[in-house]
Amino acid sequence: MGLNRSSSGMSSADRELVIQKEREDDKVIALAGNPNVGKSTVFNQLTGMKQHTGNWPGKTVANAQGYCSYGNQGYVMVDIPGCYSLMAHSIEEEVARDFICFEHPDAVVVVCDATCLERNLNLVLQILEACTNVVICVNLMDEAQKKQIKIQLESLAEKTGVPVIGITARSKKGLDQIFEGLNQVWEEKENKEPLVVYPDYIEEAIHQLEPSVDKVCKGVPDTRWLCARLLDADDCLRKSMQQHIGNDLLENEEIHNILSDINSNLADLDISREQLSDDIASAFVKKAEDLCRDTVDFEDKSYNRKDRRLDRLFTSKVSGFPIMFLVLLFVFWLTITGANYPSQLLSKGLFLLEDQLVLFFQNIGAPTVVYEILIFGIYRVLAWVVSVMLPPMAIFFPMFTLLEDFGYLPRVAFNLDRCFKKCQACGKQALTMCMGFGCNAAGIIACRIIDSPRERFIAMITNNFVPCNGRLPILISVISMFFVGKV
């Protein structure tokens, strides 16, 4: 495809990613996008790396970088965590926001899903407000074609004022156009009017703030987004500003006085902080709807009819819970019953090998203390663990993955969300607890899909109460010892 690929990447959990350039004139490109739009696939195809791809939010919580070149220009591609917004409510959003808004990459390539473009444009519009050099990369064009969805890329490019390209990353179609789009945004240096227009009272507040913010943040290319964030600033944003800009804007006397006047005016208008945040978010949603109204055409109006029918079936108050209990009961039954046969085979094979190892050590005259420690101590414990734990895990996790791929697990979380909220927890915790039946370590790692730090902590500490497949046979045995004889 005309790319000279090499890879010299690194992955770090640190917020401050050290950019590793091969040449001084290399361009730093951020790859942004919603979860599950093929962003890591694009990254792998461009850099030749094998960054892990996954079908769940929170898969990437750190930045990864790789190197590629096109023509005579080198590019450092930075795969930032997938997120739905730059209004940070999770670790992924914080990492993505900080890199895009404060690390000043030379350009941002926003990867979108062609089958649900409107939802993806919410993030695109936020990045366009924060950055000047943006390329919109519409991935999964082949899937859109299957669903008879037509996207007028030229019209969308005209409306947004930035290059819009269509690609199919899995088959490497259209990847060259990414670099052509990057060259185009660097050549066009004209100032553009903001795409998203807020309600009048917010626009007036931003107009009041901009001159003062411009004085303090001379390194920030576009301070409009920063002014909007200051209106509903949280502690997370303040820490990021302190770290990257060097000072807390809210501690600046001039900015503090202006914000105080703005808050007083909002109080006089009976506009709460929640309403202000909602009005800011709705402005992006309405603009995304407007952009898609004339650029996305659904030839088959019933393309999502099957999904809607499944939603009504799996999330209904009447059928949702019975189906959920039956599905989970089937998974557990298949895991426990089906694991017995491979477990017996493994046990026979491993303990048959144990006898052979004892004879071998005896024949070579090894000291009894040595081979008893190695065989009856280390090997026998290992054989028990493998024969008991491996078969259930080999059945449970593939079944769990199939349910996730079929889209059933998000519906389970939706069903249980109200139940968990009554316990001041999150419905997503249901997924982490189900995964805990396979392995508590995997269940705790899965807790990163929960946005709220408090709810994430609750999910982590309570996951221990879910018996994993290693403890479940022991619990069943203990229960049998106490109660079978009473029957």
Protein backbone atom coordinates (compact mmCIF):
# COMPACT_ATOMS: atom_id res chain seq x y z
CA MET A 1 0.00 0.00 0.00
CA GLY A 2 3.03 2.25 -0.29
CA LEU A 3 3.97 2.26 3.40
CA ASN A 4 7.46 1.53 4.66
CA ARG A 5 6.75 -0.07 8.01
CA SER A 6 8.88 -0.60 11.00
CA SER A 7 7.97 -0.68 14.62
CA SER A 8 9.69 0.70 17.66
CA GLY A 9 6.85 1.10 20.10
CA MET A 10 6.28 1.01 23.78
CA SER A 11 3.28 0.83 26.02
CA SER A 12 3.10 2.52 29.38
CA ALA A 13 0.57 2.97 32.09
CA ASP A 14 1.98 6.39 32.87
CA ARG A 15 -0.07 9.39 31.96
CA GLU A 16 3.02 11.14 30.56
CA LEU A 17 4.00 9.18 27.48
CA VAL A 18 7.57 9.81 26.31
CA ILE A 19 7.36 10.21 22.54
CA GLN A 20 10.13 8.27 20.84
CA LYS A 21 10.96 9.88 17.50
CA GLU A 22 13.39 8.37 15.02
CA ARG A 23 13.97 11.75 13.39
CA GLU A 24 13.46 15.30 14.59
CA ASP A 25 10.91 16.09 11.86
CA ASP A 26 8.69 13.08 12.66
CA LYS A 27 5.05 13.98 13.18
CA VAL A 28 3.16 12.81 16.28
CA ILE A 29 -0.31 11.56 15.38
CA ALA A 30 -2.92 10.64 18.01
CA LEU A 31 -5.38 7.86 17.11
CA ALA A 32 -8.64 8.57 18.94
CA GLY A 33 -12.10 7.06 18.81
CA ASN A 34 -14.91 5.33 20.66
CA PRO A 35 -14.31 1.83 22.03
CA ASN A 36 -14.80 -0.97 19.52
CA VAL A 37 -14.48 1.06 16.31
CA GLY A 38 -11.29 -0.64 15.07
CA LYS A 39 -8.85 1.98 16.35
CA SER A 40 -6.25 -0.54 17.48
CA THR A 41 -6.66 -2.40 14.18
CA VAL A 42 -5.82 0.81 12.31
CA PHE A 43 -2.84 1.29 14.63
CA ASN A 44 -1.58 -2.24 13.97
CA GLN A 45 -2.01 -1.98 10.20
CA LEU A 46 -0.11 1.31 10.06
CA THR A 47 2.74 0.41 12.40
CA GLY A 48 3.04 -3.33 11.84
CA MET A 49 2.68 -3.91 15.57
CA LYS A 50 0.37 -6.37 17.32
CA GLN A 51 -1.43 -4.17 19.81
CA HIS A 52 -4.17 -6.31 21.41
CA THR A 53 -7.66 -5.60 20.15
CA GLY A 54 -10.82 -6.30 22.10
CA ASN A 55 -14.56 -5.88 22.00
CA TRP A 56 -15.22 -4.13 25.29
CA PRO A 57 -14.88 -0.61 26.73
CA GLY A 58 -11.77 -0.05 28.79
CA LYS A 59 -9.67 -2.52 26.82
CA THR A 60 -6.90 0.10 26.50
CA VAL A 61 -6.24 2.32 29.52
CA ALA A 62 -2.75 3.42 28.53
CA ASN A 63 -1.20 5.03 25.50
CA ALA A 64 0.78 2.88 23.07
CA GLN A 65 3.02 4.19 20.32
CA GLY A 66 4.50 2.81 17.13
CA TYR A 67 6.37 4.15 14.12
CA CYS A 68 5.54 4.19 10.41
CA SER A 69 6.50 6.26 7.39
CA TYR A 70 4.77 7.40 4.23
CA GLY A 71 6.89 8.87 1.49
CA ASN A 72 9.72 10.79 3.14
CA GLN A 73 7.77 11.65 6.27
CA GLY A 74 7.96 9.64 9.49
CA TYR A 75 5.03 9.35 11.87
CA VAL A 76 4.83 8.39 15.53
CA MET A 77 1.35 6.91 15.90
CA VAL A 78 -0.05 7.07 19.45
CA ASP A 79 -3.00 4.77 20.18
CA ILE A 80 -4.86 6.51 22.99
CA PRO A 81 -7.62 4.82 25.02
CA GLY A 82 -11.04 4.53 23.44
CA CYS A 83 -13.58 6.90 24.97
CA TYR A 84 -16.98 8.39 24.23
CA SER A 85 -16.23 11.93 25.35
CA LEU A 86 -13.51 14.32 26.46
CA MET A 87 -15.69 15.41 29.39
CA ALA A 88 -13.77 13.00 31.56
CA HIS A 89 -15.81 10.62 33.70
CA SER A 90 -13.45 7.64 33.56
CA ILE A 91 -9.74 6.84 33.51
CA GLU A 92 -9.84 6.24 29.74
CA GLU A 93 -11.41 9.64 29.09
CA GLU A 94 -8.88 11.37 31.36
CA VAL A 95 -5.90 9.81 29.57
CA ALA A 96 -7.36 10.57 26.12
CA ARG A 97 -8.30 14.14 27.05
CA ASP A 98 -4.92 14.93 28.60
CA PHE A 99 -2.97 13.69 25.57
CA ILE A 100 -5.16 15.38 22.96
CA CYS A 101 -5.62 18.68 24.77
CA PHE A 102 -2.36 19.14 26.66
CA GLU A 103 0.35 17.12 24.88
CA HIS A 104 -0.25 18.96 21.58
CA PRO A 105 0.09 16.18 18.95
CA ASP A 106 0.68 17.39 15.40
CA ALA A 107 -2.70 15.98 14.39
CA VAL A 108 -5.50 13.76 15.63
CA VAL A 109 -7.02 10.98 13.52
CA VAL A 110 -10.47 10.18 14.90
CA VAL A 111 -11.57 6.66 13.95
CA CYS A 112 -15.35 6.23 13.65
CA ASP A 113 -17.68 3.31 13.07
CA ALA A 114 -19.54 3.66 9.78
CA THR A 115 -22.49 1.65 11.10
CA CYS A 116 -23.22 4.13 13.94
CA LEU A 117 -21.60 7.35 12.77
CA GLU A 118 -23.92 9.71 14.62
CA ARG A 119 -22.91 8.35 18.02
CA ASN A 120 -19.21 8.64 17.10
CA LEU A 121 -19.53 12.24 15.92
CA ASN A 122 -20.08 13.39 19.51
CA LEU A 123 -16.39 12.71 20.25
CA VAL A 124 -15.35 14.06 16.84
CA LEU A 125 -16.99 17.42 17.54
CA GLN A 126 -15.36 17.69 20.97
CA ILE A 127 -11.93 17.01 19.47
CA LEU A 128 -12.58 19.53 16.68
CA GLU A 129 -13.28 22.12 19.37
CA ALA A 130 -10.01 21.33 21.15
CA CYS A 131 -7.68 20.79 18.15
CA THR A 132 -7.05 22.44 14.83
CA ASN A 133 -5.55 19.51 12.87
CA VAL A 134 -8.10 16.69 12.72
CA VAL A 135 -8.80 13.91 10.21
CA ILE A 136 -12.03 11.93 10.43
CA CYS A 137 -11.42 8.28 9.53
CA VAL A 138 -14.65 6.33 8.95
CA ASN A 139 -13.83 2.65 9.46
CA LEU A 140 -15.90 -0.49 8.81
CA MET A 141 -17.17 0.72 5.46
CA ASP A 142 -17.65 -2.92 4.45
CA GLU A 143 -20.01 -3.49 7.38
CA ALA A 144 -21.95 -0.36 6.45
CA GLN A 145 -22.32 -1.66 2.91
CA LYS A 146 -23.70 -4.96 4.20
CA LYS A 147 -26.30 -3.05 6.21
CA GLN A 148 -27.04 -0.86 3.15
CA ILE A 149 -25.84 2.31 4.87
CA LYS A 150 -24.49 4.99 2.53
CA ILE A 151 -22.28 7.79 3.87
CA GLN A 152 -21.61 10.87 1.76
CA LEU A 153 -18.03 11.46 2.84
CA GLU A 154 -17.56 14.55 0.68
CA SER A 155 -20.64 16.22 2.13
CA LEU A 156 -19.54 15.39 5.68
CA ALA A 157 -16.07 16.82 4.95
CA GLU A 158 -17.65 20.00 3.64
CA LYS A 159 -19.82 20.39 6.73
CA THR A 160 -17.05 19.72 9.24
CA GLY A 161 -14.28 21.52 7.35
CA VAL A 162 -11.79 18.67 7.80
CA PRO A 163 -10.82 15.69 5.61
CA VAL A 164 -13.14 12.67 5.92
CA ILE A 165 -11.95 9.34 4.56
CA GLY A 166 -13.55 5.92 4.41
CA ILE A 167 -11.49 2.81 5.14
CA THR A 168 -11.76 -0.88 5.93
CA ALA A 169 -8.85 -1.44 8.30
CA ARG A 170 -9.07 -5.23 8.45
CA SER A 171 -8.43 -5.53 4.71
CA LYS A 172 -6.09 -2.48 4.61
CA LYS A 173 -8.34 -0.56 2.21
CA GLY A 174 -7.94 3.21 2.14
CA LEU A 175 -5.17 3.53 4.74
CA ASP A 176 -3.05 5.63 2.35
CA GLN A 177 -5.75 8.29 2.44
CA ILE A 178 -5.04 8.90 6.14
CA PHE A 179 -1.67 10.41 5.27
CA GLU A 180 -3.14 12.36 2.37
CA GLY A 181 -5.71 13.79 4.77
CA LEU A 182 -2.97 14.71 7.24
CA ASN A 183 -1.05 16.59 4.55
CA GLN A 184 -4.25 18.41 3.65
CA VAL A 185 -4.92 19.69 7.20
CA TRP A 186 -1.33 20.89 7.56
CA GLU A 187 -1.58 22.84 4.31
CA GLU A 188 -4.86 24.52 5.30
CA LYS A 189 -4.12 27.03 8.05
CA GLU A 190 -7.26 29.17 7.81
CA ASN A 191 -9.19 29.93 11.00
CA LYS A 192 -12.52 28.14 11.11
CA GLU A 193 -15.72 29.07 12.85
CA PRO A 194 -16.67 26.75 15.71
CA LEU A 195 -18.97 23.95 14.60
CA VAL A 196 -20.80 23.61 17.88
CA VAL A 197 -22.72 26.66 19.08
CA TYR A 198 -23.88 26.60 22.69
CA PRO A 199 -26.96 28.32 24.11
CA ASP A 200 -26.63 32.10 24.32
CA TYR A 201 -25.83 32.28 28.02
CA ILE A 202 -22.94 29.80 27.60
CA GLU A 203 -21.59 31.61 24.52
CA GLU A 204 -21.67 34.87 26.46
CA ALA A 205 -19.79 33.28 29.37
CA ILE A 206 -17.13 31.86 27.02
CA HIS A 207 -16.76 35.28 25.39
CA GLN A 208 -16.10 36.78 28.83
CA LEU A 209 -13.53 34.15 29.72
CA GLU A 210 -11.53 33.85 26.49
CA PRO A 211 -9.36 37.03 26.74
CA SER A 212 -8.18 36.16 30.26
CA VAL A 213 -7.62 32.48 29.46
CA ASP A 214 -5.63 33.42 26.33
CA LYS A 215 -3.23 35.43 28.48
CA VAL A 216 -2.55 32.54 30.84
CA CYS A 217 -2.58 29.66 28.31
CA LYS A 218 -0.41 30.91 25.50
CA GLY A 219 0.67 27.35 24.60
CA VAL A 220 -2.88 26.08 24.07
CA PRO A 221 -3.82 26.37 20.36
CA ASP A 222 -7.56 26.83 20.96
CA THR A 223 -8.85 28.01 24.32
CA ARG A 224 -12.56 27.88 23.47
CA TRP A 225 -12.87 24.27 24.68
CA LEU A 226 -10.94 25.14 27.83
CA CYS A 227 -13.30 27.99 28.64
CA ALA A 228 -16.28 25.69 28.20
CA ARG A 229 -14.66 23.13 30.51
CA LEU A 230 -13.93 25.79 33.12
CA LEU A 231 -17.64 26.54 33.39
CA ASP A 232 -18.25 23.04 34.76
CA ALA A 233 -14.69 22.25 35.87
CA ASP A 234 -14.11 19.34 38.22
CA ASP A 235 -11.13 18.36 40.37
CA CYS A 236 -9.82 16.02 37.67
CA LEU A 237 -9.54 18.82 35.12
CA ARG A 238 -7.91 21.11 37.66
CA LYS A 239 -5.21 18.51 38.36
CA SER A 240 -4.58 18.04 34.64
CA MET A 241 -4.27 21.80 34.09
CA GLN A 242 -1.91 22.06 37.04
CA GLN A 243 0.22 19.24 35.64
CA HIS A 244 0.32 20.24 31.97
CA ILE A 245 -0.19 24.01 31.88
CA GLY A 246 1.77 24.69 35.04
CA ASN A 247 -0.94 26.48 37.01
CA ASP A 248 -4.52 26.16 38.13
CA LEU A 249 -6.60 28.57 36.08
CA LEU A 250 -9.24 28.71 38.79
CA GLU A 251 -6.64 30.18 41.15
CA ASN A 252 -5.91 33.04 38.75
CA GLU A 253 -7.50 36.14 40.30
CA GLU A 254 -8.85 37.59 37.05
CA ILE A 255 -10.33 34.28 35.85
CA HIS A 256 -11.68 33.54 39.33
CA ASN A 257 -13.50 36.90 39.45
CA ILE A 258 -14.99 36.39 35.98
CA LEU A 259 -16.20 32.91 36.91
CA SER A 260 -17.74 34.30 40.11
CA ASP A 261 -19.65 36.89 38.08
CA ILE A 262 -20.78 34.20 35.63
CA ASN A 263 -21.97 31.94 38.45
CA SER A 264 -23.89 34.84 39.98
CA ASN A 265 -25.59 35.55 36.65
CA LEU A 266 -26.46 31.86 36.26
CA ALA A 267 -27.94 31.84 39.77
CA ASP A 268 -30.07 34.85 38.88
CA LEU A 269 -31.32 32.96 35.80
CA ASP A 270 -32.05 29.84 37.93
CA ILE A 271 -29.57 27.81 35.88
CA SER A 272 -27.93 25.08 37.94
CA ARG A 273 -24.53 23.49 37.31
CA GLU A 274 -26.28 20.29 36.21
CA GLN A 275 -28.36 22.17 33.63
CA LEU A 276 -25.26 23.93 32.31
CA SER A 277 -23.46 20.58 31.88
CA ASP A 278 -26.53 19.09 30.19
CA ASP A 279 -26.82 22.05 27.81
CA ILE A 280 -23.16 21.74 26.84
CA ALA A 281 -23.50 17.99 26.20
CA SER A 282 -26.78 18.38 24.28
CA ALA A 283 -25.17 20.96 21.97
CA PHE A 284 -22.77 18.27 20.70
CA VAL A 285 -25.55 15.69 20.37
CA LYS A 286 -27.77 18.04 18.36
CA LYS A 287 -24.90 19.01 16.07
CA ALA A 288 -24.08 15.33 15.47
CA GLU A 289 -27.71 14.72 14.51
CA ASP A 290 -27.60 17.68 12.15
CA LEU A 291 -24.41 16.47 10.46
CA CYS A 292 -25.81 12.97 9.89
CA ARG A 293 -29.23 14.10 8.72
CA ASP A 294 -28.10 14.77 5.13
CA THR A 295 -24.92 12.68 4.97
CA VAL A 296 -26.03 9.23 6.17
CA ASP A 297 -28.68 7.33 4.21
CA PHE A 298 -30.26 4.06 5.37
CA GLU A 299 -31.50 2.27 2.26
CA ASP A 300 -32.91 -0.55 4.35
CA LYS A 301 -35.07 1.20 6.94
CA SER A 302 -35.43 -2.04 8.87
CA TYR A 303 -31.70 -2.75 9.10
CA ASN A 304 -31.80 -2.75 12.91
CA ARG A 305 -35.19 -4.43 13.28
CA LYS A 306 -33.58 -7.68 14.44
CA ASP A 307 -31.63 -5.90 17.19
CA ARG A 308 -34.74 -4.06 18.38
CA ARG A 309 -36.67 -7.32 18.57
CA LEU A 310 -33.88 -8.91 20.60
CA ASP A 311 -33.84 -5.86 22.88
CA ARG A 312 -37.55 -6.21 23.54
CA LEU A 313 -37.10 -9.91 24.28
CA PHE A 314 -33.96 -9.78 26.44
CA THR A 315 -34.68 -6.54 28.35
CA SER A 316 -38.42 -6.93 28.86
CA LYS A 317 -39.69 -6.89 32.45
CA VAL A 318 -41.60 -10.09 31.67
CA SER A 319 -39.04 -12.16 29.77
CA GLY A 320 -35.70 -10.46 30.55
CA PHE A 321 -35.00 -11.99 33.97
CA PRO A 322 -36.24 -15.54 33.24
CA ILE A 323 -34.11 -15.71 30.08
CA MET A 324 -31.12 -14.31 31.97
CA PHE A 325 -31.42 -16.92 34.74
CA LEU A 326 -31.86 -19.74 32.22
CA VAL A 327 -28.84 -18.66 30.16
CA LEU A 328 -26.59 -18.32 33.19
CA LEU A 329 -27.89 -21.61 34.61
CA PHE A 330 -27.06 -23.34 31.33
CA VAL A 331 -23.54 -21.86 31.31
CA PHE A 332 -22.90 -23.00 34.89
CA TRP A 333 -24.39 -26.46 34.27
CA LEU A 334 -22.30 -26.93 31.13
CA THR A 335 -19.18 -25.70 32.95
CA ILE A 336 -19.60 -27.96 36.00
CA THR A 337 -20.94 -31.06 34.25
CA GLY A 338 -18.90 -30.76 31.08
CA ALA A 339 -15.67 -30.21 33.01
CA ASN A 340 -15.95 -33.56 34.78
CA TYR A 341 -14.91 -35.60 31.74
CA PRO A 342 -11.75 -33.71 30.71
CA SER A 343 -10.91 -33.31 34.40
CA GLN A 344 -10.97 -37.09 34.90
CA LEU A 345 -8.83 -37.66 31.80
CA LEU A 346 -6.30 -35.05 32.91
CA SER A 347 -6.20 -36.47 36.42
CA LYS A 348 -5.59 -40.04 35.18
CA GLY A 349 -2.91 -38.94 32.74
CA LEU A 350 -1.06 -36.69 35.17
CA PHE A 351 -1.10 -39.19 38.05
CA LEU A 352 -0.06 -42.00 35.69
CA LEU A 353 2.91 -39.85 34.79
CA GLU A 354 3.56 -39.37 38.52
CA ASP A 355 4.04 -43.12 38.97
CA GLN A 356 6.46 -43.21 36.05
CA LEU A 357 8.44 -40.31 37.51
CA VAL A 358 8.72 -42.13 40.88
CA LEU A 359 10.08 -45.24 39.14
CA PHE A 360 12.51 -43.10 37.12
CA PHE A 361 13.97 -41.40 40.21
CA GLN A 362 14.20 -44.72 42.05
CA ASN A 363 16.02 -46.34 39.13
CA ILE A 364 18.62 -43.58 38.94
CA GLY A 365 19.19 -43.81 42.70
CA ALA A 366 17.96 -40.32 43.59
CA PRO A 367 17.65 -39.57 47.31
CA THR A 368 14.17 -40.23 48.67
CA VAL A 369 13.92 -36.75 50.21
CA VAL A 370 14.62 -35.11 46.86
CA TYR A 371 12.14 -36.95 44.68
CA GLU A 372 9.41 -36.93 47.32
CA ILE A 373 9.63 -33.13 47.52
CA LEU A 374 9.65 -32.79 43.72
CA ILE A 375 6.95 -35.37 42.94
CA PHE A 376 4.67 -35.71 45.99
CA GLY A 377 5.05 -32.04 46.84
CA ILE A 378 5.39 -29.86 43.76
CA TYR A 379 4.21 -32.14 40.93
CA ARG A 380 1.18 -33.63 42.74
CA VAL A 381 -0.14 -30.20 43.81
CA LEU A 382 0.35 -28.91 40.26
CA ALA A 383 -1.45 -31.94 38.82
CA TRP A 384 -4.40 -31.44 41.18
CA VAL A 385 -4.67 -27.74 40.35
CA VAL A 386 -4.46 -28.31 36.57
CA SER A 387 -6.93 -31.21 36.50
CA VAL A 388 -9.47 -29.38 38.70
CA MET A 389 -9.21 -25.76 37.47
CA LEU A 390 -8.20 -25.91 33.80
CA PRO A 391 -11.28 -27.72 32.33
CA PRO A 392 -13.89 -25.38 33.92
CA MET A 393 -11.94 -22.31 32.82
CA ALA A 394 -11.54 -23.73 29.31
CA ILE A 395 -15.34 -24.06 29.09
CA PHE A 396 -16.58 -21.04 31.07
CA PHE A 397 -14.53 -18.27 29.49
CA PRO A 398 -15.24 -19.24 25.84
CA MET A 399 -18.96 -19.40 26.71
CA PHE A 400 -18.71 -16.00 28.40
CA THR A 401 -16.92 -14.62 25.33
CA LEU A 402 -19.65 -15.93 23.03
CA LEU A 403 -22.33 -14.21 25.11
CA GLU A 404 -20.33 -10.98 24.91
CA ASP A 405 -19.85 -11.27 21.14
CA PHE A 406 -23.58 -11.89 20.63
CA GLY A 407 -24.33 -8.69 22.56
CA TYR A 408 -26.17 -10.42 25.40
CA LEU A 409 -23.97 -9.29 28.31
CA PRO A 410 -24.73 -5.54 27.90
CA ARG A 411 -28.42 -6.46 28.07
CA VAL A 412 -27.78 -8.36 31.32
CA ALA A 413 -26.10 -5.24 32.75
CA PHE A 414 -29.10 -3.17 31.65
CA ASN A 415 -31.53 -5.56 33.33
CA LEU A 416 -29.64 -5.56 36.62
CA ASP A 417 -28.76 -1.88 36.70
CA ARG A 418 -31.79 -0.89 38.81
CA CYS A 419 -31.16 -3.74 41.25
CA PHE A 420 -27.53 -2.75 41.73
CA LYS A 421 -28.42 0.94 42.02
CA LYS A 422 -30.56 0.12 45.04
CA CYS A 423 -27.32 -1.11 46.62
CA GLN A 424 -25.53 2.07 45.49
CA ALA A 425 -23.60 0.08 42.89
CA CYS A 426 -23.48 -0.14 39.08
CA GLY A 427 -25.19 -2.61 36.73
CA LYS A 428 -21.88 -3.30 35.01
CA GLN A 429 -20.81 -4.99 38.23
CA ALA A 430 -23.01 -7.92 37.18
CA LEU A 431 -20.59 -8.65 34.34
CA THR A 432 -17.54 -8.53 36.61
CA MET A 433 -19.22 -10.82 39.14
CA CYS A 434 -20.15 -13.33 36.42
CA MET A 435 -16.56 -13.28 35.23
CA GLY A 436 -15.51 -13.88 38.83
CA PHE A 437 -17.16 -17.31 38.65
CA GLY A 438 -14.44 -18.20 36.15
CA CYS A 439 -11.59 -16.45 37.96
CA ASN A 440 -11.70 -13.69 40.57
CA ALA A 441 -8.51 -12.15 39.19
CA ALA A 442 -10.17 -11.75 35.78
CA GLY A 443 -13.30 -10.39 37.45
CA ILE A 444 -11.33 -7.73 39.32
CA ILE A 445 -9.44 -6.71 36.17
CA ALA A 446 -12.79 -6.39 34.37
CA CYS A 447 -13.88 -3.80 36.95
CA ARG A 448 -12.11 -1.14 34.91
CA ILE A 449 -15.19 -0.96 32.65
CA ILE A 450 -16.99 0.79 35.55
CA ASP A 451 -16.65 4.58 35.27
CA SER A 452 -17.17 5.70 38.86
CA PRO A 453 -14.11 5.13 41.11
CA ARG A 454 -16.42 4.48 44.08
CA GLU A 455 -18.55 1.91 42.23
CA ARG A 456 -15.41 0.35 40.76
CA PHE A 457 -13.97 -0.06 44.25
CA ILE A 458 -17.21 -1.67 45.48
CA ALA A 459 -17.10 -4.12 42.56
CA MET A 460 -13.48 -5.02 43.32
CA ILE A 461 -13.87 -5.70 47.03
CA THR A 462 -17.15 -7.65 46.61
CA ASN A 463 -15.86 -9.81 43.75
CA ASN A 464 -14.08 -11.91 46.35
CA PHE A 465 -17.47 -13.20 47.55
CA VAL A 466 -18.10 -14.84 44.17
CA PRO A 467 -16.74 -18.41 44.28
CA CYS A 468 -14.40 -18.98 41.34
CA ASN A 469 -14.20 -22.36 39.61
CA GLY A 470 -11.30 -23.34 41.87
CA ARG A 471 -13.30 -22.82 45.07
CA LEU A 472 -16.67 -23.98 43.73
CA PRO A 473 -15.83 -27.74 43.71
CA ILE A 474 -14.53 -27.46 47.27
CA LEU A 475 -17.69 -25.67 48.39
CA ILE A 476 -19.85 -28.32 46.70
CA SER A 477 -17.82 -31.07 48.42
CA VAL A 478 -18.13 -29.41 51.85
CA ILE A 479 -21.88 -28.88 51.38
CA SER A 480 -22.24 -32.53 50.37
CA MET A 481 -20.35 -33.68 53.47
CA PHE A 482 -22.68 -31.75 55.77
CA PHE A 483 -26.05 -32.24 54.14
CA VAL A 484 -26.07 -35.41 52.01
CA GLY A 485 -26.13 -37.66 55.05
CA LYS A 486 -29.19 -35.85 56.42
CA VAL A 487 -31.34 -36.62 53.38
